[in-house]
Amino acid sequence: MELNEIRDEIKNIDFQILELTKRRLELAKEVGKNKVKNNAAVRNMEVERKVIDRYRGFALENGMNPVYAETICKILMQESIEAQAALPRKASVLRHIAIIGGYGKMGRWLADLFKQSGHRVDIIDPSAGNGLTLDDCKWADTVIISVPISRTSGILEKLDSICDEEALIFDIASLKSPFIEKLRDMGSRRKVCSVHPMFGPSAGSMYDRNLLVCDCGSKTAVDETVQLLGNHGANIRTMEVEEHDKYMSYVLGLSHAVNIAFFTVLERSGISFEDMKSVASTTYSKLMDSNLSVAMEDPYLYYEIQHLNVNRDKMLKEFGESTKAVVEAAQADDATEFKNLMDKGREYFT
């Protein structure tokens, strides 16, 4: 065959792949409608594992790379589950939910999610222009706090005297230590817990994204919150509220600090971003994706995440010592310590 003929056939095959992908997505939506009808969970891990095994098995039997086959499979499954998760799903127990700060990005994201599930949602936010105030939370059976970290404690204090004693109350703040005593106090006598979605409002759904539910002393609050959020495909992890910020000092604090340090070095290098892109390696390009994302975020929010975490000093000390260790190992005439650092990292990940 001539080169142009080969390329034409490849183009035709590409169109066939896309047509089949479209048909696969249509069928996945039908599966999703069936799940909605039967109130089944969005994700079925056993089915997902079987599909991945099917792709890998076919690849192995036909001389293809099973890793690439699995990657293709996961991309197709993610698109399918995202589409299923986006289908309106009526909750088995309908709630009257008030979202404080519900006109912010994450507040609106949650409001849309709960409205699609059939819940009544009230937005408590001056920007909403609906005249509702904190006092209107007394009518709600579920109250969600979606305000800056520094305001959360004061809101909890006010809700304690406003809300019905059987109301479920939780915040979605990125840190808990600034108001953990208030959470524990309220959790010891009413339905209060604390939630942290480990994703932002740009997420198409909760599918395969982590969601933390922190126990503040009320198991009933934890159970009701998991029930409220549990059928949207998220990976839900429950933990004691005291554990939360220890993890966040690394998951948020360290990851932000590393990215800020990285682009600070670049900014001071004297080489422009465009110039650097023209010589970028694969590793550098991957780092740039997260660097750009962090650089565009709200600096005051990121400052709060660093500054208000009670575990801040321990993490930053480890960060400084680790950076120093890398510098010293790179400058040493013997590669032993540099190799040791990389071996320990490899061992950690495996």
Protein backbone atom coordinates (compact mmCIF):
# COMPACT_ATOMS: atom_id res chain seq x y z
CA MET A 1 0.00 0.00 0.00
CA GLU A 2 1.08 3.58 -0.66
CA LEU A 3 1.68 5.87 2.32
CA ASN A 4 -1.40 7.98 1.56
CA GLU A 5 -3.55 4.85 1.35
CA ILE A 6 -2.25 3.69 4.72
CA ARG A 7 -3.02 7.08 6.27
CA ASP A 8 -6.51 7.06 4.78
CA GLU A 9 -7.18 3.65 6.29
CA ILE A 10 -5.89 4.84 9.68
CA LYS A 11 -8.22 7.86 9.41
CA ASN A 12 -11.15 5.58 8.66
CA ILE A 13 -10.28 3.37 11.62
CA ASP A 14 -10.04 6.46 13.87
CA PHE A 15 -13.57 7.47 12.84
CA GLN A 16 -14.78 3.92 13.56
CA ILE A 17 -13.15 4.06 17.00
CA LEU A 18 -14.86 7.38 17.72
CA GLU A 19 -18.22 6.08 16.50
CA LEU A 20 -17.87 3.00 18.71
CA THR A 21 -16.79 5.22 21.64
CA LYS A 22 -19.93 7.33 21.10
CA ARG A 23 -22.08 4.18 21.07
CA ARG A 24 -20.31 2.90 24.19
CA LEU A 25 -21.12 6.16 25.99
CA GLU A 26 -24.78 5.95 24.93
CA LEU A 27 -24.98 2.44 26.38
CA ALA A 28 -23.20 3.58 29.55
CA LYS A 29 -25.87 6.26 30.02
CA GLU A 30 -28.54 3.57 29.71
CA VAL A 31 -26.72 1.64 32.45
CA GLY A 32 -26.71 4.85 34.48
CA LYS A 33 -30.46 5.31 34.06
CA ASN A 34 -30.95 1.76 35.28
CA LYS A 35 -28.80 2.53 38.33
CA VAL A 36 -30.84 5.65 39.02
CA LYS A 37 -34.08 3.69 38.70
CA ASN A 38 -32.87 1.05 41.14
CA ASN A 39 -31.06 3.54 43.39
CA ALA A 40 -27.80 1.63 42.83
CA ALA A 41 -24.37 3.14 43.46
CA VAL A 42 -22.70 4.93 40.54
CA ARG A 43 -19.58 2.81 40.85
CA ASN A 44 -19.32 -0.98 40.86
CA MET A 45 -15.70 -1.81 41.61
CA GLU A 46 -16.10 -5.51 40.80
CA VAL A 47 -17.44 -4.73 37.31
CA GLU A 48 -14.70 -2.13 36.76
CA ARG A 49 -12.00 -4.67 37.65
CA LYS A 50 -13.50 -7.21 35.23
CA VAL A 51 -13.53 -4.65 32.40
CA ILE A 52 -9.87 -3.73 33.04
CA ASP A 53 -8.93 -7.42 33.10
CA ARG A 54 -10.75 -7.88 29.79
CA TYR A 55 -8.71 -5.13 28.15
CA ARG A 56 -5.42 -6.36 29.59
CA GLY A 57 -6.19 -9.95 28.61
CA PHE A 58 -6.97 -8.98 25.02
CA ALA A 59 -3.76 -6.95 24.83
CA LEU A 60 -1.62 -9.81 26.13
CA GLU A 61 -3.22 -12.30 23.74
CA ASN A 62 -2.67 -10.02 20.73
CA GLY A 63 0.86 -8.76 21.30
CA MET A 64 -0.18 -5.33 22.58
CA ASN A 65 1.06 -3.42 25.63
CA PRO A 66 -1.37 -4.21 28.50
CA VAL A 67 -0.45 -0.96 30.28
CA TYR A 68 -1.65 1.10 27.29
CA ALA A 69 -4.75 -1.07 27.01
CA GLU A 70 -5.55 -0.44 30.67
CA THR A 71 -5.03 3.31 30.18
CA ILE A 72 -7.50 3.33 27.28
CA CYS A 73 -9.94 1.32 29.36
CA LYS A 74 -9.76 3.72 32.31
CA ILE A 75 -10.28 6.74 30.06
CA LEU A 76 -13.39 5.16 28.55
CA MET A 77 -14.69 4.09 31.97
CA GLN A 78 -14.10 7.52 33.45
CA GLU A 79 -16.10 9.20 30.69
CA SER A 80 -18.89 6.63 31.17
CA ILE A 81 -19.02 6.99 34.96
CA GLU A 82 -18.81 10.80 34.75
CA ALA A 83 -21.86 10.69 32.45
CA GLN A 84 -23.68 8.32 34.83
CA ALA A 85 -22.81 10.45 37.86
CA ALA A 86 -24.20 13.55 36.13
CA LEU A 87 -27.65 11.95 35.70
CA PRO A 88 -30.27 13.40 38.07
CA ARG A 89 -30.69 10.97 40.93
CA LYS A 90 -33.55 11.20 43.40
CA ALA A 91 -32.44 10.67 46.98
CA SER A 92 -34.17 7.99 49.03
CA VAL A 93 -34.58 10.50 51.85
CA LEU A 94 -35.35 14.06 50.74
CA ARG A 95 -33.92 16.86 52.85
CA HIS A 96 -34.34 20.59 53.31
CA ILE A 97 -30.76 21.82 52.91
CA ALA A 98 -29.43 25.30 53.68
CA ILE A 99 -26.02 26.16 52.23
CA ILE A 100 -24.28 29.08 53.93
CA GLY A 101 -22.02 30.72 51.39
CA GLY A 102 -23.98 28.92 48.73
CA TYR A 103 -23.31 31.61 46.15
CA GLY A 104 -19.60 30.81 46.10
CA LYS A 105 -18.20 28.37 43.56
CA MET A 106 -18.21 25.27 45.78
CA GLY A 107 -21.48 26.25 47.39
CA ARG A 108 -23.19 26.49 44.01
CA TRP A 109 -21.63 23.17 42.95
CA LEU A 110 -23.17 21.47 45.98
CA ALA A 111 -26.49 23.27 45.50
CA ASP A 112 -26.78 21.96 41.94
CA LEU A 113 -25.89 18.43 43.08
CA PHE A 114 -28.53 18.38 45.80
CA LYS A 115 -31.21 20.01 43.65
CA GLN A 116 -30.73 17.31 41.00
CA SER A 117 -31.31 14.74 43.75
CA GLY A 118 -34.66 16.30 44.62
CA HIS A 119 -33.67 18.04 47.84
CA ARG A 120 -34.97 21.50 48.67
CA VAL A 121 -31.97 23.87 48.75
CA ASP A 122 -31.86 27.34 50.32
CA ILE A 123 -28.88 29.57 49.54
CA ILE A 124 -27.86 31.67 52.56
CA ASP A 125 -25.60 34.28 51.03
CA PRO A 126 -26.00 38.07 50.67
CA SER A 127 -24.83 37.79 47.04
CA ALA A 128 -27.83 35.56 46.25
CA GLY A 129 -30.20 38.50 46.76
CA ASN A 130 -33.01 36.26 48.02
CA GLY A 131 -33.39 37.89 51.42
CA LEU A 132 -32.51 34.72 53.34
CA THR A 133 -30.32 35.04 56.45
CA LEU A 134 -28.72 32.70 58.98
CA ASP A 135 -31.97 32.79 60.96
CA ASP A 136 -33.66 30.91 58.10
CA CYS A 137 -31.46 27.90 58.89
CA LYS A 138 -33.90 27.09 61.71
CA TRP A 139 -36.23 25.60 59.09
CA ALA A 140 -33.60 23.34 57.51
CA ASP A 141 -32.84 19.78 58.59
CA THR A 142 -29.37 19.95 57.01
CA VAL A 143 -27.02 22.95 57.11
CA ILE A 144 -23.77 23.11 55.13
CA ILE A 145 -21.14 25.79 55.83
CA SER A 146 -19.20 26.86 52.73
CA VAL A 147 -17.35 30.00 53.85
CA PRO A 148 -13.66 30.96 54.32
CA ILE A 149 -11.81 29.07 57.07
CA SER A 150 -11.52 32.17 59.24
CA ARG A 151 -15.32 32.63 59.31
CA THR A 152 -16.34 29.03 59.99
CA SER A 153 -16.05 29.10 63.79
CA GLY A 154 -18.29 32.16 64.09
CA ILE A 155 -20.91 30.59 61.82
CA LEU A 156 -20.90 27.37 63.87
CA GLU A 157 -21.37 29.44 67.04
CA LYS A 158 -24.44 31.16 65.60
CA LEU A 159 -25.96 27.99 64.17
CA ASP A 160 -25.73 26.31 67.57
CA SER A 161 -28.45 28.63 68.86
CA ILE A 162 -30.46 28.86 65.62
CA CYS A 163 -30.77 25.31 64.24
CA ASP A 164 -33.20 22.65 65.38
CA GLU A 165 -31.53 20.22 67.77
CA GLU A 166 -32.03 17.38 65.26
CA ALA A 167 -30.51 19.28 62.32
CA LEU A 168 -27.41 17.86 60.63
CA ILE A 169 -24.62 20.45 60.43
CA PHE A 170 -21.27 20.21 58.67
CA ASP A 171 -18.64 22.48 57.13
CA ILE A 172 -16.52 21.87 54.02
CA ALA A 173 -13.44 23.88 55.06
CA SER A 174 -9.95 22.85 53.93
CA LEU A 175 -8.64 22.96 57.53
CA LYS A 176 -10.28 22.01 60.81
CA SER A 177 -7.76 23.01 63.51
CA PRO A 178 -8.83 26.71 63.68
CA PHE A 179 -12.28 25.64 64.93
CA ILE A 180 -11.79 22.05 66.06
CA GLU A 181 -12.74 22.79 69.67
CA LYS A 182 -16.09 24.17 68.52
CA LEU A 183 -16.65 21.10 66.31
CA ARG A 184 -15.91 18.77 69.23
CA ASP A 185 -18.12 20.75 71.60
CA MET A 186 -21.10 20.73 69.24
CA GLY A 187 -20.44 17.16 68.10
CA SER A 188 -20.67 15.96 71.69
CA ARG A 189 -24.30 17.07 71.97
CA ARG A 190 -25.81 17.39 68.50
CA LYS A 191 -25.48 16.09 64.92
CA VAL A 192 -22.30 17.83 63.81
CA CYS A 193 -19.45 16.48 61.68
CA SER A 194 -16.97 17.98 59.23
CA VAL A 195 -16.51 17.30 55.51
CA HIS A 196 -13.72 18.04 53.02
CA PRO A 197 -14.26 17.42 49.30
CA MET A 198 -10.76 16.81 47.89
CA PHE A 199 -11.74 18.44 44.61
CA GLY A 200 -12.90 21.82 43.39
CA PRO A 201 -15.96 23.22 41.61
CA SER A 202 -14.47 22.43 38.19
CA ALA A 203 -15.10 18.72 38.82
CA GLY A 204 -17.78 17.28 36.56
CA SER A 205 -18.93 14.94 39.33
CA MET A 206 -17.71 13.22 42.48
CA TYR A 207 -16.73 10.14 40.47
CA ASP A 208 -13.48 8.61 41.73
CA ARG A 209 -12.67 11.72 43.75
CA ASN A 210 -11.83 11.63 47.43
CA LEU A 211 -14.28 12.93 50.02
CA LEU A 212 -13.34 13.09 53.70
CA VAL A 213 -15.94 12.89 56.48
CA CYS A 214 -14.56 13.76 59.91
CA ASP A 215 -16.08 12.40 63.12
CA CYS A 216 -16.47 15.17 65.69
CA GLY A 217 -18.21 13.01 68.30
CA SER A 218 -21.55 12.27 66.63
CA LYS A 219 -21.62 8.92 64.82
CA THR A 220 -25.19 9.71 63.73
CA ALA A 221 -23.94 12.84 61.93
CA VAL A 222 -21.23 10.83 60.16
CA ASP A 223 -23.70 8.13 59.09
CA GLU A 224 -26.26 10.64 57.79
CA THR A 225 -23.60 12.59 55.89
CA VAL A 226 -22.20 9.44 54.27
CA GLN A 227 -25.76 8.48 53.29
CA LEU A 228 -26.36 11.97 51.84
CA LEU A 229 -23.16 12.00 49.78
CA GLY A 230 -22.42 8.32 49.33
CA ASN A 231 -24.23 7.44 46.10
CA HIS A 232 -22.44 9.91 43.81
CA GLY A 233 -19.35 7.81 43.08
CA ALA A 234 -16.91 9.42 45.51
CA ASN A 235 -14.23 7.55 47.46
CA ILE A 236 -15.38 8.34 51.01
CA ARG A 237 -12.85 8.16 53.84
CA THR A 238 -14.00 8.67 57.43
CA MET A 239 -11.55 9.76 60.13
CA GLU A 240 -11.38 11.46 63.51
CA VAL A 241 -11.39 15.23 63.07
CA GLU A 242 -8.01 15.51 64.84
CA GLU A 243 -6.38 13.46 62.07
CA HIS A 244 -7.55 15.69 59.23
CA ASP A 245 -5.05 18.55 59.40
CA LYS A 246 -2.08 16.22 59.84
CA TYR A 247 -2.87 14.77 56.41
CA MET A 248 -3.65 18.19 54.93
CA SER A 249 -0.25 19.56 55.99
CA TYR A 250 1.19 17.21 53.34
CA VAL A 251 -1.66 16.78 50.84
CA LEU A 252 -2.30 20.53 50.58
CA GLY A 253 0.44 22.35 52.48
CA LEU A 254 3.43 20.43 51.11
CA SER A 255 2.11 20.14 47.55
CA HIS A 256 1.41 23.89 47.47
CA ALA A 257 4.80 24.72 49.01
CA VAL A 258 6.66 22.54 46.49
CA ASN A 259 4.87 24.15 43.56
CA ILE A 260 5.38 27.69 44.88
CA ALA A 261 9.09 26.98 45.52
CA PHE A 262 9.41 25.52 42.00
CA PHE A 263 7.92 28.48 40.16
CA THR A 264 9.73 30.93 42.48
CA VAL A 265 13.05 29.41 41.39
CA LEU A 266 11.96 29.69 37.75
CA GLU A 267 10.82 33.30 38.18
CA ARG A 268 14.22 34.18 39.64
CA SER A 269 16.16 32.28 36.99
CA GLY A 270 16.07 35.12 34.46
CA ILE A 271 14.76 32.75 31.76
CA SER A 272 11.27 33.51 30.45
CA PHE A 273 8.43 30.99 30.63
CA GLU A 274 8.13 30.80 26.83
CA ASP A 275 11.87 30.32 26.42
CA MET A 276 11.82 27.54 29.03
CA LYS A 277 8.93 25.81 27.27
CA SER A 278 10.95 25.47 24.08
CA VAL A 279 13.45 23.18 25.85
CA ALA A 280 11.02 21.48 28.27
CA SER A 281 11.40 17.79 29.09
CA THR A 282 8.51 15.41 29.78
CA THR A 283 9.03 15.69 33.55
CA TYR A 284 9.22 19.49 33.44
CA SER A 285 6.02 19.70 31.38
CA LYS A 286 4.15 17.51 33.86
CA LEU A 287 5.28 19.73 36.73
CA MET A 288 4.20 22.82 34.81
CA ASP A 289 0.59 21.64 34.72
CA SER A 290 0.33 21.69 38.53
CA ASN A 291 2.55 24.80 38.81
CA LEU A 292 0.27 26.81 36.55
CA SER A 293 -2.79 25.63 38.46
CA VAL A 294 -1.32 26.68 41.83
CA ALA A 295 -0.06 30.03 40.50
CA MET A 296 -3.59 30.95 39.37
CA GLU A 297 -5.23 30.20 42.74
CA ASP A 298 -6.28 32.68 45.45
CA PRO A 299 -3.08 33.56 47.37
CA TYR A 300 -5.00 34.43 50.54
CA LEU A 301 -6.73 31.04 50.60
CA TYR A 302 -3.39 29.29 50.06
CA TYR A 303 -1.83 31.42 52.81
CA GLU A 304 -4.60 30.34 55.19
CA ILE A 305 -4.02 26.69 54.30
CA GLN A 306 -0.32 27.10 55.13
CA HIS A 307 -0.57 29.46 58.09
CA LEU A 308 -3.57 28.15 60.04
CA ASN A 309 -2.64 24.46 60.08
CA VAL A 310 -1.36 23.47 63.54
CA ASN A 311 0.85 20.87 61.83
CA ARG A 312 2.49 23.57 59.66
CA ASP A 313 5.82 23.84 61.46
CA LYS A 314 6.54 20.10 61.46
CA MET A 315 5.84 19.79 57.74
CA LEU A 316 7.81 22.93 56.80
CA LYS A 317 10.76 21.75 58.92
CA GLU A 318 10.72 18.41 57.08
CA PHE A 319 10.41 20.26 53.77
CA GLY A 320 13.41 22.46 54.56
CA GLU A 321 15.52 19.54 55.79
CA SER A 322 14.62 17.44 52.75
CA THR A 323 15.47 20.27 50.34
CA LYS A 324 18.79 20.74 52.13
CA ALA A 325 19.48 16.99 51.90
CA VAL A 326 18.87 17.03 48.13
CA VAL A 327 21.13 20.05 47.67
CA GLU A 328 23.94 18.49 49.71
CA ALA A 329 23.59 15.12 47.94
CA ALA A 330 23.72 16.81 44.52
CA GLN A 331 26.83 18.77 45.50
CA ALA A 332 28.66 15.77 46.96
CA ASP A 333 31.45 14.16 44.94
CA ASP A 334 30.10 10.72 45.90
CA ALA A 335 26.74 9.58 44.48
CA THR A 336 25.95 7.34 47.47
CA GLU A 337 23.66 9.73 49.36
CA PHE A 338 21.89 10.89 46.20
CA LYS A 339 21.19 7.26 45.29
CA ASN A 340 20.03 6.61 48.87
CA LEU A 341 17.44 9.41 48.64
CA MET A 342 16.10 8.07 45.35
CA ASP A 343 16.06 4.47 46.62
CA LYS A 344 14.03 5.52 49.68
CA GLY A 345 11.58 7.36 47.44
CA ARG A 346 11.20 4.34 45.19
CA GLU A 347 10.62 2.12 48.22
CA TYR A 348 7.97 4.51 49.56
CA PHE A 349 5.99 4.46 46.32
CA THR A 350 6.18 0.70 45.84
